């Protein structure tokens, strides 16, 4: 189990560099919110998120709040959280 958690930690550290690419792209495109970024560049995920939003009013309110945030903020936040968890796992189980 220790090796699995250490491997998961390394995956979380190194597996999210695409998020930095998305954040850089969102920065270069300009001040764009997350909904517009998904619609323009990640159409594959947009239909899944719309389906999730249709399941419940609470989900709809959550997604509509997330959509208004800047895309660069969300990508960097997700990268920071997952990388921090990965570093913690590697330090604890290495």
Protein backbone atom coordinates (compact mmCIF):
# COMPACT_ATOMS: atom_id res chain seq x y z
CA UNK A 1 0.00 0.00 0.00
CA UNK A 2 2.91 2.31 0.74
CA UNK A 3 4.32 1.93 -2.77
CA UNK A 4 0.90 2.64 -4.25
CA UNK A 5 0.49 5.85 -2.25
CA UNK A 6 4.02 6.96 -3.14
CA UNK A 7 3.28 6.26 -6.83
CA UNK A 8 0.02 8.17 -6.56
CA UNK A 9 1.93 11.08 -5.07
CA UNK A 10 4.36 11.13 -7.98
CA UNK A 11 1.45 10.93 -10.41
CA UNK A 12 -0.25 13.91 -8.77
CA UNK A 13 2.98 15.90 -8.91
CA UNK A 14 3.96 15.16 -12.52
CA UNK A 15 0.61 14.27 -14.09
CA UNK A 16 -0.92 17.73 -14.01
CA UNK A 17 1.41 19.71 -16.21
CA UNK A 18 -1.36 19.96 -18.79
CA UNK A 19 -3.13 22.23 -16.29
CA UNK A 20 -0.23 24.66 -16.50
CA UNK A 21 -0.58 24.58 -20.28
CA UNK A 22 -4.32 25.33 -20.00
CA UNK A 23 -3.63 28.14 -17.52
CA UNK A 24 -0.99 29.66 -19.80
CA UNK A 25 -3.34 29.37 -22.74
CA UNK A 26 -6.17 31.03 -20.80
CA UNK A 27 -3.76 33.81 -19.81
CA UNK A 28 -2.65 34.39 -23.41
CA UNK A 29 -6.22 34.37 -24.71
CA UNK A 30 -7.09 37.07 -22.19
CA UNK A 31 -9.58 37.49 -19.40
CA UNK A 32 -11.92 34.65 -20.20
CA UNK A 33 -14.23 32.88 -17.82
CA UNK A 34 -14.29 29.12 -17.43
CA UNK A 35 -17.53 28.57 -19.36
CA UNK A 36 -16.25 30.42 -22.43
CA UNK A 37 -12.95 28.55 -22.24
CA UNK A 38 -14.73 25.19 -22.12
CA UNK A 39 -17.03 26.11 -24.99
CA UNK A 40 -14.23 27.35 -27.20
CA UNK A 41 -11.44 24.87 -26.51
CA UNK A 42 -12.71 21.83 -24.64
CA UNK A 43 -16.05 21.03 -26.28
CA UNK A 44 -15.73 17.38 -25.26
CA UNK A 45 -16.16 18.23 -21.59
CA UNK A 46 -18.86 20.84 -22.09
CA UNK A 47 -21.63 18.32 -22.81
CA UNK A 48 -20.69 16.24 -19.75
CA UNK A 49 -20.80 19.31 -17.52
CA UNK A 50 -24.15 20.35 -18.97
CA UNK A 51 -25.50 16.87 -18.21
CA UNK A 52 -24.17 17.09 -14.63
CA UNK A 53 -25.76 20.51 -14.27
CA UNK A 54 -29.16 19.13 -15.32
CA UNK A 55 -29.21 16.50 -12.57
CA UNK A 56 -30.01 18.76 -9.64
CA UNK A 57 -30.64 22.42 -8.83
CA UNK A 58 -27.73 22.42 -6.39
CA UNK A 59 -25.38 21.09 -9.07
CA UNK A 60 -26.67 23.73 -11.45
CA UNK A 61 -25.97 26.53 -8.95
CA UNK A 62 -22.48 25.14 -8.27
CA UNK A 63 -21.58 24.87 -11.96
CA UNK A 64 -22.96 28.32 -12.74
CA UNK A 65 -20.80 29.76 -9.95
CA UNK A 66 -17.72 27.93 -11.25
CA UNK A 67 -18.42 29.15 -14.80
CA UNK A 68 -18.07 32.79 -13.73
CA UNK A 69 -14.57 32.36 -12.31
CA UNK A 70 -11.54 33.13 -14.48
CA UNK A 71 -10.22 30.04 -16.23
CA UNK A 72 -6.61 30.74 -15.26
CA UNK A 73 -7.60 30.84 -11.58
CA UNK A 74 -9.33 27.45 -11.74
CA UNK A 75 -6.49 25.74 -13.59
CA UNK A 76 -3.83 27.09 -11.24
CA UNK A 77 -5.93 26.25 -8.17
CA UNK A 78 -6.45 22.67 -9.35
CA UNK A 79 -2.74 22.33 -10.16
CA UNK A 80 -1.71 23.70 -6.76
CA UNK A 81 -4.07 21.46 -4.79
CA UNK A 82 -3.22 18.22 -6.59
CA UNK A 83 0.53 18.93 -6.58
CA UNK A 84 0.42 19.74 -2.85
CA UNK A 85 -1.36 16.46 -2.14
CA UNK A 86 1.23 14.65 -4.26
CA UNK A 87 4.15 16.25 -2.42
CA UNK A 88 2.56 15.36 0.91
CA UNK A 89 2.07 11.73 -0.15
CA UNK A 90 5.65 11.40 -1.40
CA UNK A 91 7.10 12.94 1.78
CA UNK A 92 4.97 10.77 4.01
CA UNK A 93 5.45 7.42 2.24
CA UNK A 94 8.87 7.72 0.58
